[in-house]
C-alpha atoms as a PDB file:
ATOM      1  CA  MET A   1      96.507  90.460 101.429  1.00  0.00           C
ATOM      2  CA  LYS A   2      99.145  92.509  99.864  1.00  0.00           C
ATOM      3  CA  ARG A   3      97.300  93.553  97.379  1.00  0.00           C
ATOM      4  CA  VAL A   4      94.929  95.527  99.094  1.00  0.00           C
ATOM      5  CA  LEU A   5      97.683  96.580 101.726  1.00  0.00           C
ATOM      6  CA  LEU A   6      99.102  98.081  98.615  1.00  0.00           C
ATOM      7  CA  ALA A   7      95.622  99.401  97.478  1.00  0.00           C
ATOM      8  CA  THR A   8      95.035 101.190 100.578  1.00  0.00           C
ATOM      9  CA  ALA A   9      98.771 102.892 101.046  1.00  0.00           C
ATOM     10  CA  VAL A  10      97.902 103.968  97.153  1.00  0.00           C
ATOM     11  CA  ALA A  11      94.429 105.260  97.939  1.00  0.00           C
ATOM     12  CA  SER A  12      95.265 106.751 101.143  1.00  0.00           C
ATOM     13  CA  PHE A  13      98.284 108.478  99.035  1.00  0.00           C
ATOM     14  CA  ILE A  14      96.293 109.894  96.832  1.00  0.00           C
ATOM     15  CA  ALA A  15      93.603 111.074  99.019  1.00  0.00           C
ATOM     16  CA  VAL A  16      95.891 113.309 101.005  1.00  0.00           C
ATOM     17  CA  ALA A  17      97.890 114.572  97.395  1.00  0.00           C
ATOM     18  CA  ALA A  18      94.302 115.157  96.146  1.00  0.00           C
ATOM     19  CA  HIS A  19      93.381 117.330  99.006  1.00  0.00           C
ATOM     20  CA  GLY A  20      95.135 116.727 102.182  1.00  0.00           C
ATOM     21  CA  PHE A  21      92.499 114.381 103.920  1.00  0.00           C
ATOM     22  CA  ASP A  22      94.475 111.218 105.344  1.00  0.00           C
ATOM     23  CA  ALA A  23      91.978 108.073 106.276  1.00  0.00           C
ATOM     24  CA  ALA A  24      94.426 106.564 108.399  1.00  0.00           C
ATOM     25  CA  ALA A  25      95.458 109.763 110.401  1.00  0.00           C
ATOM     26  CA  THR A  26      91.384 109.989 111.106  1.00  0.00           C
ATOM     27  CA  TRP A  27      91.092 106.683 112.001  1.00  0.00           C
ATOM     28  CA  THR A  28      93.904 106.882 114.476  1.00  0.00           C
ATOM     29  CA  ASP A  29      92.383 110.178 115.844  1.00  0.00           C
ATOM     30  CA  GLN A  30      88.632 109.581 115.685  1.00  0.00           C
ATOM     31  CA  CYS A  31      87.719 105.780 115.316  1.00  0.00           C
ATOM     32  CA  ALA A  32      90.654 103.545 116.989  1.00  0.00           C
ATOM     33  CA  LYS A  33      89.765 104.444 120.201  1.00  0.00           C
ATOM     34  CA  CYS A  34      86.805 102.268 120.188  1.00  0.00           C
ATOM     35  CA  HIS A  35      87.431 100.560 116.967  1.00  0.00           C
ATOM     36  CA  GLY A  36      90.774  99.684 117.334  1.00  0.00           C
ATOM     37  CA  ALA A  37      93.903 100.831 115.095  1.00  0.00           C
ATOM     38  CA  ASP A  38      92.611  96.838 113.063  1.00  0.00           C
ATOM     39  CA  GLY A  39      89.078  97.206 113.510  1.00  0.00           C
ATOM     40  CA  LYS A  40      88.692  94.333 115.501  1.00  0.00           C
ATOM     41  CA  GLY A  41      86.764  96.340 118.367  1.00  0.00           C
ATOM     42  CA  GLU A  42      89.547  94.548 121.178  1.00  0.00           C
ATOM     43  CA  THR A  43      89.645  98.077 123.023  1.00  0.00           C
ATOM     44  CA  LYS A  44      88.798  98.795 126.267  1.00  0.00           C
ATOM     45  CA  MET A  45      85.964 101.188 125.133  1.00  0.00           C
ATOM     46  CA  GLY A  46      85.005  98.633 122.273  1.00  0.00           C
ATOM     47  CA  LYS A  47      84.297  95.979 124.333  1.00  0.00           C
ATOM     48  CA  LYS A  48      82.156  97.905 126.993  1.00  0.00           C
ATOM     49  CA  LEU A  49      80.199  99.062 123.734  1.00  0.00           C
ATOM     50  CA  SER A  50      80.528  95.773 122.156  1.00  0.00           C
ATOM     51  CA  ILE A  51      82.131  96.742 118.965  1.00  0.00           C
ATOM     52  CA  LYS A  52      81.767  94.031 116.234  1.00  0.00           C
ATOM     53  CA  ASP A  53      85.027  93.166 114.218  1.00  0.00           C
ATOM     54  CA  TYR A  54      85.454  94.997 110.941  1.00  0.00           C
ATOM     55  CA  THR A  55      88.052  92.784 110.321  1.00  0.00           C
ATOM     56  CA  ASP A  56      85.693  89.779 109.247  1.00  0.00           C
ATOM     57  CA  ALA A  57      84.131  89.625 106.219  1.00  0.00           C
ATOM     58  CA  LYS A  58      80.930  88.686 107.479  1.00  0.00           C
ATOM     59  CA  VAL A  59      80.726  91.489 109.764  1.00  0.00           C
ATOM     60  CA  GLN A  60      81.480  93.786 107.066  1.00  0.00           C
ATOM     61  CA  GLY A  61      78.591  92.161 104.714  1.00  0.00           C
ATOM     62  CA  GLU A  62      76.040  93.543 107.383  1.00  0.00           C
ATOM     63  CA  VAL A  63      76.913  97.154 106.796  1.00  0.00           C
ATOM     64  CA  THR A  64      76.346  98.578 103.553  1.00  0.00           C
ATOM     65  CA  ASP A  65      78.746 101.742 102.197  1.00  0.00           C
ATOM     66  CA  GLU A  66      75.271 103.937 102.430  1.00  0.00           C
ATOM     67  CA  GLN A  67      74.942 102.981 106.206  1.00  0.00           C
ATOM     68  CA  ALA A  68      78.905 103.712 107.009  1.00  0.00           C
ATOM     69  CA  PHE A  69      78.716 106.788 105.261  1.00  0.00           C
ATOM     70  CA  LYS A  70      75.779 108.281 107.245  1.00  0.00           C
ATOM     71  CA  ALA A  71      77.060 106.770 110.684  1.00  0.00           C
ATOM     72  CA  ILE A  72      80.197 108.988 109.613  1.00  0.00           C
ATOM     73  CA  LYS A  73      78.485 111.991 109.183  1.00  0.00           C
ATOM     74  CA  GLU A  74      75.688 111.751 111.500  1.00  0.00           C
ATOM     75  CA  GLY A  75      77.175 109.325 114.154  1.00  0.00           C
ATOM     76  CA  THR A  76      74.671 106.837 115.736  1.00  0.00           C
ATOM     77  CA  LYS A  77      72.719 105.997 118.552  1.00  0.00           C
ATOM     78  CA  ASP A  78      70.870 103.476 120.523  1.00  0.00           C
ATOM     79  CA  LYS A  79      67.438 102.309 120.383  1.00  0.00           C
ATOM     80  CA  SER A  80      66.880 104.906 123.363  1.00  0.00           C
ATOM     81  CA  GLY A  81      68.360 107.613 121.509  1.00  0.00           C
ATOM     82  CA  LYS A  82      71.685 107.402 123.573  1.00  0.00           C
ATOM     83  CA  VAL A  83      74.740 108.639 121.532  1.00  0.00           C
ATOM     84  CA  ARG A  84      76.509 105.480 120.889  1.00  0.00           C
ATOM     85  CA  MET A  85      78.986 106.666 118.368  1.00  0.00           C
ATOM     86  CA  LYS A  86      79.831 110.377 117.444  1.00  0.00           C
ATOM     87  CA  ALA A  87      79.861 111.629 114.236  1.00  0.00           C
ATOM     88  CA  ILE A  88      83.053 113.083 112.639  1.00  0.00           C
ATOM     89  CA  GLU A  89      82.556 116.901 112.769  1.00  0.00           C
ATOM     90  CA  GLY A  90      83.143 119.223 109.725  1.00  0.00           C
ATOM     91  CA  ILE A  91      84.012 116.290 107.304  1.00  0.00           C
ATOM     92  CA  SER A  92      83.027 116.407 104.270  1.00  0.00           C
ATOM     93  CA  ASP A  93      81.208 113.952 102.165  1.00  0.00           C
ATOM     94  CA  ALA A  94      84.230 112.947  99.675  1.00  0.00           C
ATOM     95  CA  ASP A  95      86.053 112.681 103.023  1.00  0.00           C
ATOM     96  CA  ALA A  96      83.456 110.424 104.467  1.00  0.00           C
ATOM     97  CA  LYS A  97      83.692 108.464 101.544  1.00  0.00           C
ATOM     98  CA  ALA A  98      87.499 108.267 101.909  1.00  0.00           C
ATOM     99  CA  MET A  99      86.297 106.719 105.439  1.00  0.00           C
ATOM    100  CA  VAL A 100      84.716 104.281 104.317  1.00  0.00           C
ATOM    101  CA  ALA A 101      87.066 102.928 101.759  1.00  0.00           C
ATOM    102  CA  TYR A 102      89.323 102.941 104.538  1.00  0.00           C
ATOM    103  CA  PHE A 103      87.113 101.081 107.138  1.00  0.00           C
ATOM    104  CA  ARG A 104      86.316  98.607 103.665  1.00  0.00           C
ATOM    105  CA  ALA A 105      90.428  98.202 103.385  1.00  0.00           C
ATOM    106  CA  LEU A 106      89.840  96.791 107.294  1.00  0.00           C
ATOM    107  CA  LYS A 107      88.354  93.158 106.168  1.00  0.00           C
ATOM    108  CA  LYS A 108      90.823  90.212 105.884  1.00  0.00           C
END
């Protein structure tokens, strides 16, 4: 667990140092309202939307990196076409990949 946290911290530092993108800050700003700061989805909006617990390895195993990347870049819609999650506007491919790595680091 400590190694994962250390690796996440180092990866975040490198990402920020390399081009100014901070995945943790972006998560806090763009994602935590629904997904929670810890990724468990135990927020008011998370409960309303039945957000899954992304700290659960089984739940994370149901999402490929490609699916997570696409959701970050394009957002998601429900079966009726209603927006379920907005895309992170203007995010580069490299920064979206950093967000996928951050998402993966939530797994316990």
